[in-house]
């Protein structure tokens, strides 16, 4: 019998992203995607991040199961929801100035993410099956109120 090397896959989706894009415009939506990706770069637990498409991202945790990955995902989800990013004014300079002075026209926007996570098991033997299971868990997280993790 072959040895099953453990891994977990998480699917992360920005909550209400279409409404966000419709409200603030696609340029701000692109900035929101960059913000989330930047926050994800610092995921703990050895997670490797990938953009899956649109506002969806995938995080692979080699050598970890769901129980090992969830605390790292919860830390990330919490950090994204509390940090927010600055909606910058139209007159923002193209180059970063030496001395930055906060503008009264800056507005902090907050995003939340929903996450579904699954792991390689006897039932989910292939990467495609694990990914599908994580995607189904993501939909459960959204159905249960968003800004949460489901497995």
N, C-alpha and C. Protein backbone atom coordinates (compact mmCIF):
# COMPACT_ATOMS: atom_id res chain seq x y z
N UNK A 1 0.84 -1.18 0.00
CA UNK A 1 0.00 0.00 0.00
C UNK A 1 0.89 1.24 0.00
N UNK A 2 0.63 2.23 -0.90
CA UNK A 2 1.47 3.43 -0.95
C UNK A 2 1.26 4.31 0.27
N UNK A 3 2.31 4.98 0.65
CA UNK A 3 2.26 5.91 1.78
C UNK A 3 1.55 7.19 1.34
N UNK A 4 0.58 7.62 2.12
CA UNK A 4 -0.14 8.88 1.83
C UNK A 4 0.57 10.02 2.54
N UNK A 5 1.22 10.89 1.78
CA UNK A 5 1.84 12.06 2.38
C UNK A 5 0.75 13.09 2.63
N UNK A 6 0.66 13.60 3.84
CA UNK A 6 -0.43 14.53 4.15
C UNK A 6 -0.22 15.90 3.52
N UNK A 7 -1.32 16.51 3.17
CA UNK A 7 -1.35 17.91 2.79
C UNK A 7 -2.77 18.41 2.91
N UNK A 8 -2.89 19.70 3.13
CA UNK A 8 -4.20 20.34 3.18
C UNK A 8 -4.23 21.43 2.11
N UNK A 9 -5.41 21.61 1.55
CA UNK A 9 -5.63 22.67 0.58
C UNK A 9 -6.77 23.54 1.09
N UNK A 10 -6.53 24.84 1.09
CA UNK A 10 -7.56 25.80 1.48
C UNK A 10 -7.93 26.66 0.28
N UNK A 11 -9.22 26.91 0.14
CA UNK A 11 -9.74 27.83 -0.87
C UNK A 11 -10.20 29.07 -0.12
N UNK A 12 -9.71 30.23 -0.51
CA UNK A 12 -10.05 31.49 0.13
C UNK A 12 -10.73 32.39 -0.89
N UNK A 13 -11.82 33.01 -0.51
CA UNK A 13 -12.59 33.88 -1.40
C UNK A 13 -12.94 35.16 -0.66
N UNK A 14 -12.78 36.29 -1.34
CA UNK A 14 -13.13 37.58 -0.74
C UNK A 14 -14.65 37.70 -0.72
N UNK A 15 -15.20 37.99 0.45
CA UNK A 15 -16.65 38.10 0.60
C UNK A 15 -17.19 39.34 -0.10
N UNK A 16 -18.31 39.16 -0.78
CA UNK A 16 -19.03 40.26 -1.44
C UNK A 16 -18.15 41.07 -2.39
N UNK A 17 -17.23 40.40 -3.08
CA UNK A 17 -16.28 41.13 -3.92
C UNK A 17 -16.96 41.82 -5.11
N UNK A 18 -17.97 41.21 -5.69
CA UNK A 18 -18.67 41.85 -6.81
C UNK A 18 -19.30 43.16 -6.36
N UNK A 19 -19.95 43.15 -5.21
CA UNK A 19 -20.55 44.38 -4.66
C UNK A 19 -19.46 45.42 -4.37
N UNK A 20 -18.33 44.97 -3.85
CA UNK A 20 -17.20 45.86 -3.58
C UNK A 20 -16.74 46.52 -4.88
N UNK A 21 -16.55 45.72 -5.93
CA UNK A 21 -16.14 46.24 -7.23
C UNK A 21 -17.16 47.22 -7.79
N UNK A 22 -18.44 46.88 -7.68
CA UNK A 22 -19.50 47.75 -8.17
C UNK A 22 -19.55 49.07 -7.41
N UNK A 23 -19.24 49.02 -6.12
CA UNK A 23 -19.28 50.23 -5.28
C UNK A 23 -18.07 51.13 -5.51
N UNK A 24 -16.88 50.55 -5.54
CA UNK A 24 -15.65 51.34 -5.57
C UNK A 24 -14.94 51.35 -6.92
N UNK A 25 -15.33 50.50 -7.83
CA UNK A 25 -14.70 50.44 -9.15
C UNK A 25 -13.64 49.37 -9.24
N UNK A 26 -13.32 48.99 -10.46
CA UNK A 26 -12.38 47.88 -10.69
C UNK A 26 -10.95 48.22 -10.30
N UNK A 27 -10.55 49.48 -10.40
CA UNK A 27 -9.19 49.84 -9.97
C UNK A 27 -9.01 49.61 -8.47
N UNK A 28 -10.01 50.02 -7.70
CA UNK A 28 -9.95 49.79 -6.25
C UNK A 28 -10.06 48.29 -5.96
N UNK A 29 -10.87 47.58 -6.75
CA UNK A 29 -10.97 46.13 -6.61
C UNK A 29 -9.63 45.46 -6.84
N UNK A 30 -8.88 45.94 -7.84
CA UNK A 30 -7.54 45.41 -8.08
C UNK A 30 -6.63 45.66 -6.89
N UNK A 31 -6.76 46.85 -6.29
CA UNK A 31 -5.97 47.15 -5.09
C UNK A 31 -6.36 46.23 -3.94
N UNK A 32 -7.65 45.91 -3.83
CA UNK A 32 -8.10 45.00 -2.79
C UNK A 32 -7.51 43.61 -2.98
N UNK A 33 -7.46 43.16 -4.23
CA UNK A 33 -6.83 41.86 -4.51
C UNK A 33 -5.36 41.86 -4.12
N UNK A 34 -4.67 42.95 -4.43
CA UNK A 34 -3.26 43.06 -4.06
C UNK A 34 -3.09 43.07 -2.54
N UNK A 35 -3.99 43.77 -1.87
CA UNK A 35 -3.96 43.83 -0.40
C UNK A 35 -4.09 42.42 0.19
N UNK A 36 -5.10 41.68 -0.27
CA UNK A 36 -5.31 40.32 0.26
C UNK A 36 -4.11 39.43 -0.06
N UNK A 37 -3.60 39.52 -1.28
CA UNK A 37 -2.43 38.71 -1.66
C UNK A 37 -1.23 39.05 -0.78
N UNK A 38 -1.04 40.33 -0.50
CA UNK A 38 0.07 40.76 0.36
C UNK A 38 -0.09 40.20 1.76
N UNK A 39 -1.31 40.24 2.29
CA UNK A 39 -1.57 39.69 3.62
C UNK A 39 -1.30 38.18 3.62
N UNK A 40 -1.68 37.52 2.53
CA UNK A 40 -1.52 36.07 2.44
C UNK A 40 -0.06 35.65 2.36
N UNK A 41 0.80 36.52 1.85
CA UNK A 41 2.23 36.18 1.76
C UNK A 41 2.80 35.82 3.12
N UNK A 42 2.19 36.36 4.17
CA UNK A 42 2.69 36.14 5.52
C UNK A 42 1.95 35.02 6.25
N UNK A 43 1.23 34.16 5.51
CA UNK A 43 0.53 33.06 6.17
C UNK A 43 1.56 32.18 6.87
N UNK A 44 1.23 31.78 8.07
CA UNK A 44 2.14 30.94 8.84
C UNK A 44 1.86 29.47 8.55
N UNK A 45 2.66 28.60 9.10
CA UNK A 45 2.43 27.17 8.96
C UNK A 45 2.97 26.55 7.68
N UNK A 46 3.78 27.31 6.95
CA UNK A 46 4.37 26.76 5.73
C UNK A 46 3.44 26.76 4.53
N UNK A 47 2.33 27.50 4.61
CA UNK A 47 1.38 27.55 3.50
C UNK A 47 1.97 28.24 2.28
N UNK A 48 1.68 27.69 1.12
CA UNK A 48 2.11 28.26 -0.17
C UNK A 48 0.85 28.81 -0.85
N UNK A 49 0.89 30.08 -1.25
CA UNK A 49 -0.31 30.72 -1.80
C UNK A 49 -0.27 30.78 -3.32
N UNK A 50 -1.46 30.70 -3.90
CA UNK A 50 -1.64 30.79 -5.35
C UNK A 50 -2.95 31.49 -5.63
N UNK A 51 -2.96 32.29 -6.68
CA UNK A 51 -4.23 32.87 -7.11
C UNK A 51 -4.92 31.82 -7.97
N UNK A 52 -6.16 31.53 -7.62
CA UNK A 52 -6.91 30.48 -8.30
C UNK A 52 -7.70 31.07 -9.47
N UNK A 53 -8.21 32.28 -9.28
CA UNK A 53 -8.96 32.96 -10.33
C UNK A 53 -9.88 33.97 -9.70
N UNK A 54 -10.13 35.07 -10.41
CA UNK A 54 -11.03 36.09 -9.87
C UNK A 54 -10.54 36.54 -8.50
N UNK A 55 -11.43 36.42 -7.52
CA UNK A 55 -11.08 36.80 -6.15
C UNK A 55 -10.82 35.57 -5.27
N UNK A 56 -10.53 34.45 -5.91
CA UNK A 56 -10.24 33.22 -5.18
C UNK A 56 -8.75 32.92 -5.16
N UNK A 57 -8.30 32.45 -4.00
CA UNK A 57 -6.92 32.07 -3.81
C UNK A 57 -6.88 30.65 -3.23
N UNK A 58 -5.78 29.97 -3.43
CA UNK A 58 -5.56 28.65 -2.88
C UNK A 58 -4.31 28.69 -2.00
N UNK A 59 -4.38 27.99 -0.89
CA UNK A 59 -3.22 27.86 -0.01
C UNK A 59 -3.00 26.36 0.19
N UNK A 60 -1.79 25.91 -0.11
CA UNK A 60 -1.45 24.51 0.08
C UNK A 60 -0.52 24.42 1.29
N UNK A 61 -0.85 23.50 2.18
CA UNK A 61 -0.05 23.26 3.37
C UNK A 61 0.58 21.86 3.25
N UNK A 62 1.79 21.77 2.68
CA UNK A 62 2.44 20.47 2.56
C UNK A 62 2.74 19.88 3.94
N UNK A 63 2.49 18.58 4.08
CA UNK A 63 2.81 17.91 5.33
C UNK A 63 1.86 18.19 6.47
N UNK A 64 0.77 18.89 6.21
CA UNK A 64 -0.18 19.25 7.27
C UNK A 64 -1.57 18.73 6.92
N UNK A 65 -2.34 18.44 7.96
CA UNK A 65 -3.74 18.10 7.81
C UNK A 65 -4.60 19.31 8.12
N UNK A 66 -5.91 19.13 8.04
CA UNK A 66 -6.84 20.22 8.32
C UNK A 66 -6.64 20.78 9.72
N UNK A 67 -6.53 19.89 10.71
CA UNK A 67 -6.38 20.36 12.10
C UNK A 67 -5.13 21.20 12.29
N UNK A 68 -4.08 20.90 11.55
CA UNK A 68 -2.84 21.68 11.63
C UNK A 68 -2.97 23.01 10.90
N UNK A 69 -3.71 23.02 9.79
CA UNK A 69 -3.81 24.22 8.95
C UNK A 69 -4.78 25.26 9.51
N UNK A 70 -5.86 24.82 10.14
CA UNK A 70 -6.92 25.74 10.57
C UNK A 70 -6.41 26.88 11.46
N UNK A 71 -5.57 26.65 12.46
CA UNK A 71 -5.10 27.79 13.28
C UNK A 71 -4.38 28.86 12.44
N UNK A 72 -3.63 28.44 11.44
CA UNK A 72 -2.92 29.39 10.58
C UNK A 72 -3.90 30.14 9.68
N UNK A 73 -4.91 29.44 9.21
CA UNK A 73 -5.94 30.08 8.39
C UNK A 73 -6.78 31.05 9.21
N UNK A 74 -7.07 30.69 10.44
CA UNK A 74 -7.86 31.56 11.32
C UNK A 74 -7.08 32.85 11.62
N UNK A 75 -5.79 32.70 11.85
CA UNK A 75 -4.93 33.87 12.09
C UNK A 75 -4.95 34.80 10.87
N UNK A 76 -4.84 34.22 9.69
CA UNK A 76 -4.87 35.00 8.44
C UNK A 76 -6.22 35.67 8.25
N UNK A 77 -7.31 34.91 8.41
CA UNK A 77 -8.66 35.45 8.23
C UNK A 77 -8.89 36.63 9.17
N UNK A 78 -8.49 36.47 10.40
CA UNK A 78 -8.66 37.53 11.41
C UNK A 78 -7.84 38.76 11.05
N UNK A 79 -6.61 38.54 10.62
CA UNK A 79 -5.72 39.66 10.26
C UNK A 79 -6.29 40.46 9.09
N UNK A 80 -6.80 39.77 8.07
CA UNK A 80 -7.38 40.45 6.91
C UNK A 80 -8.59 41.28 7.33
N UNK A 81 -9.45 40.71 8.16
CA UNK A 81 -10.69 41.41 8.54
C UNK A 81 -10.45 42.63 9.40
N UNK A 82 -9.36 42.65 10.14
CA UNK A 82 -9.09 43.77 11.05
C UNK A 82 -8.19 44.85 10.47
N UNK A 83 -7.38 44.50 9.48
CA UNK A 83 -6.37 45.43 8.99
C UNK A 83 -6.95 46.54 8.12
N UNK A 84 -7.73 46.20 7.13
CA UNK A 84 -8.24 47.21 6.21
C UNK A 84 -7.14 47.80 5.36
N UNK A 85 -7.54 48.47 4.31
CA UNK A 85 -6.56 49.16 3.48
C UNK A 85 -7.11 50.54 3.14
N UNK A 86 -6.20 51.43 2.77
CA UNK A 86 -6.54 52.83 2.55
C UNK A 86 -7.02 53.03 1.12
N UNK A 87 -8.20 53.63 0.99
CA UNK A 87 -8.68 54.08 -0.31
C UNK A 87 -8.06 55.45 -0.52
N UNK A 88 -7.14 55.53 -1.44
CA UNK A 88 -6.37 56.75 -1.64
C UNK A 88 -7.10 57.71 -2.57
N UNK A 89 -6.83 58.98 -2.36
CA UNK A 89 -7.46 60.03 -3.15
C UNK A 89 -6.99 60.04 -4.59
N UNK A 90 -7.71 60.76 -5.43
CA UNK A 90 -7.41 60.85 -6.86
C UNK A 90 -6.07 61.53 -7.13
N UNK A 91 -5.65 62.43 -6.23
CA UNK A 91 -4.43 63.20 -6.46
C UNK A 91 -3.19 62.53 -5.87
N UNK A 92 -3.23 61.25 -5.66
CA UNK A 92 -2.09 60.51 -5.12
C UNK A 92 -0.93 60.58 -6.11
N UNK A 93 0.29 60.92 -5.64
CA UNK A 93 1.44 60.99 -6.55
C UNK A 93 1.83 59.60 -7.06
N UNK A 94 2.38 59.57 -8.27
CA UNK A 94 2.77 58.29 -8.87
C UNK A 94 3.94 57.65 -8.12
N UNK A 95 4.89 58.47 -7.63
CA UNK A 95 6.02 57.96 -6.87
C UNK A 95 5.79 58.23 -5.39
N UNK A 96 6.29 57.31 -4.55
CA UNK A 96 6.16 57.46 -3.11
C UNK A 96 7.03 58.64 -2.64
N UNK A 97 6.42 59.63 -1.97
CA UNK A 97 7.21 60.76 -1.50
C UNK A 97 8.09 60.37 -0.31
N UNK A 98 9.16 61.18 -0.08
CA UNK A 98 10.06 60.90 1.04
C UNK A 98 9.34 61.06 2.37
N UNK A 99 8.57 62.12 2.49
CA UNK A 99 7.81 62.36 3.72
C UNK A 99 6.33 62.16 3.43
N UNK A 100 5.73 61.19 4.10
CA UNK A 100 4.32 60.89 3.89
C UNK A 100 3.50 61.58 4.97
N UNK A 101 2.53 62.35 4.53
CA UNK A 101 1.61 62.98 5.46
C UNK A 101 0.22 62.42 5.20
N UNK A 102 -0.44 61.93 6.26
CA UNK A 102 -1.77 61.36 6.07
C UNK A 102 -2.74 62.40 5.54
N UNK A 103 -3.59 61.97 4.65
CA UNK A 103 -4.58 62.84 4.05
C UNK A 103 -5.93 62.64 4.72
N UNK A 104 -6.65 63.73 4.86
CA UNK A 104 -8.00 63.63 5.42
C UNK A 104 -8.95 62.95 4.44
N UNK A 105 -8.56 62.88 3.15
CA UNK A 105 -9.43 62.28 2.15
C UNK A 105 -9.26 60.76 2.06
N UNK A 106 -8.32 60.22 2.85
CA UNK A 106 -8.12 58.78 2.83
C UNK A 106 -9.22 58.09 3.63
N UNK A 107 -9.68 56.97 3.11
CA UNK A 107 -10.73 56.20 3.77
C UNK A 107 -10.24 54.77 3.90
N UNK A 108 -10.43 54.18 5.08
CA UNK A 108 -10.01 52.80 5.31
C UNK A 108 -11.19 51.88 4.97
N UNK A 109 -10.92 50.90 4.10
CA UNK A 109 -11.92 49.92 3.69
C UNK A 109 -11.58 48.57 4.31
N UNK A 110 -12.58 47.86 4.73
CA UNK A 110 -12.37 46.56 5.35
C UNK A 110 -12.99 45.46 4.50
N UNK A 111 -12.28 44.35 4.42
CA UNK A 111 -12.72 43.19 3.68
C UNK A 111 -12.76 41.99 4.62
N UNK A 112 -13.59 41.03 4.28
CA UNK A 112 -13.55 39.76 4.98
C UNK A 112 -13.37 38.66 3.94
N UNK A 113 -12.93 37.51 4.40
CA UNK A 113 -12.74 36.36 3.51
C UNK A 113 -13.40 35.14 4.14
N UNK A 114 -13.85 34.26 3.27
CA UNK A 114 -14.35 32.95 3.68
C UNK A 114 -13.34 31.92 3.19
N UNK A 115 -13.17 30.86 3.98
CA UNK A 115 -12.16 29.86 3.66
C UNK A 115 -12.76 28.46 3.83
N UNK A 116 -12.50 27.62 2.84
CA UNK A 116 -12.82 26.20 2.94
C UNK A 116 -11.53 25.42 2.90
N UNK A 117 -11.43 24.38 3.70
CA UNK A 117 -10.18 23.62 3.77
C UNK A 117 -10.48 22.12 3.80
N UNK A 118 -9.63 21.36 3.15
CA UNK A 118 -9.74 19.91 3.11
C UNK A 118 -8.34 19.31 3.07
N UNK A 119 -8.27 17.99 3.22
CA UNK A 119 -6.97 17.33 3.23
C UNK A 119 -7.04 16.04 2.43
N UNK A 120 -5.86 15.55 2.09
CA UNK A 120 -5.75 14.28 1.39
C UNK A 120 -6.14 13.16 2.36
N UNK A 121 -7.08 12.32 1.92
CA UNK A 121 -7.54 11.20 2.74
C UNK A 121 -7.77 10.00 1.83
N UNK A 122 -8.19 8.90 2.40
CA UNK A 122 -8.54 7.73 1.59
C UNK A 122 -9.70 8.06 0.66
N UNK A 123 -10.60 8.94 1.12
CA UNK A 123 -11.74 9.36 0.29
C UNK A 123 -11.32 10.37 -0.77
N UNK A 124 -10.49 11.30 -0.38
CA UNK A 124 -9.98 12.34 -1.29
C UNK A 124 -8.53 12.01 -1.62
N UNK A 125 -8.34 11.09 -2.54
CA UNK A 125 -6.99 10.59 -2.84
C UNK A 125 -6.22 11.47 -3.80
N UNK A 126 -6.93 12.17 -4.69
CA UNK A 126 -6.24 12.99 -5.71
C UNK A 126 -6.30 14.46 -5.31
N UNK A 127 -5.38 15.22 -5.88
CA UNK A 127 -5.39 16.67 -5.63
C UNK A 127 -6.71 17.28 -6.09
N UNK A 128 -7.27 16.79 -7.20
CA UNK A 128 -8.54 17.31 -7.70
C UNK A 128 -9.66 17.07 -6.69
N UNK A 129 -9.66 15.89 -6.06
CA UNK A 129 -10.69 15.57 -5.06
C UNK A 129 -10.54 16.44 -3.82
N UNK A 130 -9.30 16.67 -3.38
CA UNK A 130 -9.06 17.53 -2.22
C UNK A 130 -9.49 18.97 -2.54
N UNK A 131 -9.16 19.44 -3.73
CA UNK A 131 -9.54 20.79 -4.15
C UNK A 131 -11.06 20.93 -4.21
N UNK A 132 -11.74 19.95 -4.76
CA UNK A 132 -13.20 19.97 -4.84
C UNK A 132 -13.81 19.98 -3.44
N UNK A 133 -13.25 19.18 -2.54
CA UNK A 133 -13.73 19.14 -1.17
C UNK A 133 -13.52 20.49 -0.47
N UNK A 134 -12.37 21.11 -0.70
CA UNK A 134 -12.10 22.44 -0.12
C UNK A 134 -13.06 23.48 -0.70
N UNK A 135 -13.35 23.37 -2.00
CA UNK A 135 -14.30 24.29 -2.64
C UNK A 135 -15.70 24.13 -2.04
N UNK A 136 -16.12 22.89 -1.82
CA UNK A 136 -17.42 22.64 -1.18
C UNK A 136 -17.45 23.22 0.23
N UNK A 137 -16.34 23.09 0.95
CA UNK A 137 -16.24 23.66 2.30
C UNK A 137 -16.31 25.19 2.24
N UNK A 138 -15.72 25.78 1.21
CA UNK A 138 -15.79 27.23 1.03
C UNK A 138 -17.25 27.67 0.87
N UNK A 139 -18.00 26.95 0.07
CA UNK A 139 -19.42 27.29 -0.11
C UNK A 139 -20.18 27.15 1.20
N UNK A 140 -19.85 26.17 2.02
CA UNK A 140 -20.49 26.04 3.33
C UNK A 140 -20.15 27.24 4.22
N UNK A 141 -18.91 27.69 4.16
CA UNK A 141 -18.51 28.87 4.96
C UNK A 141 -19.33 30.08 4.55
N UNK A 142 -19.55 30.25 3.26
CA UNK A 142 -20.34 31.38 2.77
C UNK A 142 -21.81 31.23 3.17
N UNK A 143 -22.34 30.02 3.04
CA UNK A 143 -23.74 29.78 3.41
C UNK A 143 -23.98 29.98 4.91
N UNK A 144 -22.96 29.75 5.72
CA UNK A 144 -23.09 29.88 7.17
C UNK A 144 -22.77 31.27 7.68
N UNK A 145 -22.66 32.25 6.81
CA UNK A 145 -22.52 33.63 7.24
C UNK A 145 -21.28 34.37 6.80
N UNK A 146 -20.39 33.72 6.07
CA UNK A 146 -19.16 34.35 5.57
C UNK A 146 -18.22 34.74 6.71
N UNK A 147 -17.02 35.19 6.33
CA UNK A 147 -15.98 35.57 7.29
C UNK A 147 -15.74 34.45 8.30
N UNK A 148 -15.59 33.23 7.76
CA UNK A 148 -15.36 32.07 8.60
C UNK A 148 -14.64 30.98 7.83
N UNK A 149 -14.26 29.94 8.54
CA UNK A 149 -13.57 28.80 7.95
C UNK A 149 -14.47 27.57 8.11
N UNK A 150 -14.53 26.78 7.07
CA UNK A 150 -15.28 25.53 7.13
C UNK A 150 -14.40 24.41 6.59
N UNK A 151 -14.58 23.20 7.12
CA UNK A 151 -13.83 22.04 6.63
C UNK A 151 -14.79 20.91 6.31
